[in-house]
Amino acid sequence: MDKQLKKIYLYMGIFVAIIFIGATYAFFTAGMSSENSTTVRADAGTMKITYDGGANIDLAGIYPKDDVWATKTITVTGNNTTDAEMYYKLTLVVDSNT
């Protein structure tokens, strides 16, 4: 039993060593072919989102009805400092409606 366990450990060690050597070889030899130093370009910019909701809606003496009591216009302005398209998602979450 002791010899079999030693063989298993030996084979596992060899297997792990082969995997490790293969992975490091692949890592250090990976590269781009037919590329030069001026091919890759990266730009950075900022996108500023401005939210303007105006004043709060304050109503008194309201009751349930089918018509709308009040409406509110919300303005969201995005300012992108690059030529690239930047997408954003706007979600309205109402935590309290009192």
Protein backbone atom coordinates (compact mmCIF):
# COMPACT_ATOMS: atom_id res chain seq x y z
CA MET A 1 0.00 0.00 0.00
CA ASP A 2 2.84 2.38 0.84
CA LYS A 3 4.51 1.84 -2.57
CA GLN A 4 1.24 2.48 -4.41
CA LEU A 5 0.67 5.70 -2.49
CA LYS A 6 4.21 6.87 -3.33
CA LYS A 7 3.59 6.11 -7.03
CA ILE A 8 0.34 8.06 -6.98
CA TYR A 9 2.07 11.05 -5.36
CA LEU A 10 4.91 10.81 -7.89
CA TYR A 11 2.51 10.75 -10.85
CA MET A 12 0.49 13.62 -9.41
CA GLY A 13 3.67 15.66 -8.92
CA ILE A 14 4.79 15.01 -12.49
CA PHE A 15 1.32 15.89 -13.80
CA VAL A 16 1.22 19.17 -11.84
CA ALA A 17 4.75 20.04 -13.01
CA ILE A 18 3.80 19.46 -16.66
CA ILE A 19 0.68 21.60 -16.31
CA PHE A 20 2.66 24.36 -14.57
CA ILE A 21 5.43 24.35 -17.18
CA GLY A 22 2.90 24.36 -20.02
CA ALA A 23 0.93 27.24 -18.52
CA THR A 24 4.01 29.39 -17.91
CA TYR A 25 5.32 28.65 -21.41
CA ALA A 26 1.98 29.67 -22.93
CA PHE A 27 1.89 32.82 -20.81
CA PHE A 28 5.36 34.01 -21.73
CA THR A 29 5.17 33.14 -25.43
CA ALA A 30 1.73 34.66 -26.05
CA GLY A 31 1.88 37.75 -28.18
CA MET A 32 0.47 39.50 -31.20
CA SER A 33 1.72 38.67 -34.64
CA SER A 34 1.95 41.27 -37.41
CA GLU A 35 1.61 44.10 -34.93
CA ASN A 36 3.90 46.96 -34.10
CA SER A 37 4.19 49.44 -31.27
CA THR A 38 1.91 52.03 -32.89
CA THR A 39 -1.01 49.67 -33.52
CA VAL A 40 -2.53 49.67 -30.05
CA ARG A 41 -4.09 52.94 -28.91
CA ALA A 42 -6.06 53.63 -25.76
CA ASP A 43 -7.99 56.76 -24.93
CA ALA A 44 -9.50 57.80 -21.65
CA GLY A 45 -12.25 60.23 -20.97
CA THR A 46 -15.03 61.03 -18.59
CA MET A 47 -18.76 60.96 -18.77
CA LYS A 48 -20.56 63.33 -16.45
CA ILE A 49 -24.25 62.80 -15.79
CA THR A 50 -26.19 65.78 -14.46
CA TYR A 51 -29.62 65.26 -12.94
CA ASP A 52 -32.09 68.10 -12.52
CA GLY A 53 -35.38 67.20 -10.91
CA GLY A 54 -36.45 70.63 -9.81
CA ALA A 55 -38.46 71.20 -6.67
CA ASN A 56 -40.47 68.54 -4.82
CA ILE A 57 -44.12 68.02 -5.60
CA ASP A 58 -46.16 68.95 -2.52
CA LEU A 59 -49.90 68.26 -2.62
CA ALA A 60 -52.50 68.45 0.12
CA GLY A 61 -56.07 67.15 0.29
CA ILE A 62 -55.71 64.59 -2.46
CA TYR A 63 -57.86 61.50 -2.85
CA PRO A 64 -57.82 58.49 -5.19
CA LYS A 65 -58.93 59.30 -8.72
CA ASP A 66 -58.16 58.21 -12.27
CA ASP A 67 -56.74 61.57 -13.35
CA VAL A 68 -53.16 62.59 -12.68
CA TRP A 69 -52.75 65.01 -9.76
CA ALA A 70 -49.35 66.32 -10.80
CA THR A 71 -46.48 65.60 -13.16
CA LYS A 72 -42.80 66.28 -12.95
CA THR A 73 -40.19 66.69 -15.66
CA ILE A 74 -36.74 65.31 -14.92
CA THR A 75 -33.76 66.36 -17.03
CA VAL A 76 -30.73 64.09 -17.36
CA THR A 77 -27.76 65.48 -19.27
CA GLY A 78 -24.73 63.41 -20.26
CA ASN A 79 -21.41 65.05 -21.17
CA ASN A 80 -18.88 62.76 -22.87
CA THR A 81 -15.32 64.10 -23.24
CA THR A 82 -14.38 61.59 -25.97
CA ASP A 83 -15.58 60.84 -29.50
CA ALA A 84 -16.50 57.30 -28.44
CA GLU A 85 -20.10 56.37 -27.75
CA MET A 86 -20.81 55.80 -24.08
CA TYR A 87 -24.04 54.17 -23.07
CA TYR A 88 -25.78 54.53 -19.76
CA LYS A 89 -28.90 53.13 -18.18
CA LEU A 90 -31.32 55.28 -16.22
CA THR A 91 -33.51 53.64 -13.58
CA LEU A 92 -36.11 55.38 -11.44
CA VAL A 93 -36.56 53.87 -7.99
CA VAL A 94 -39.35 55.27 -5.81
CA ASP A 95 -38.44 54.51 -2.19
CA SER A 96 -41.35 56.41 -0.71
CA ASN A 97 -44.48 57.83 -2.25
CA THR A 98 -46.20 59.76 0.52
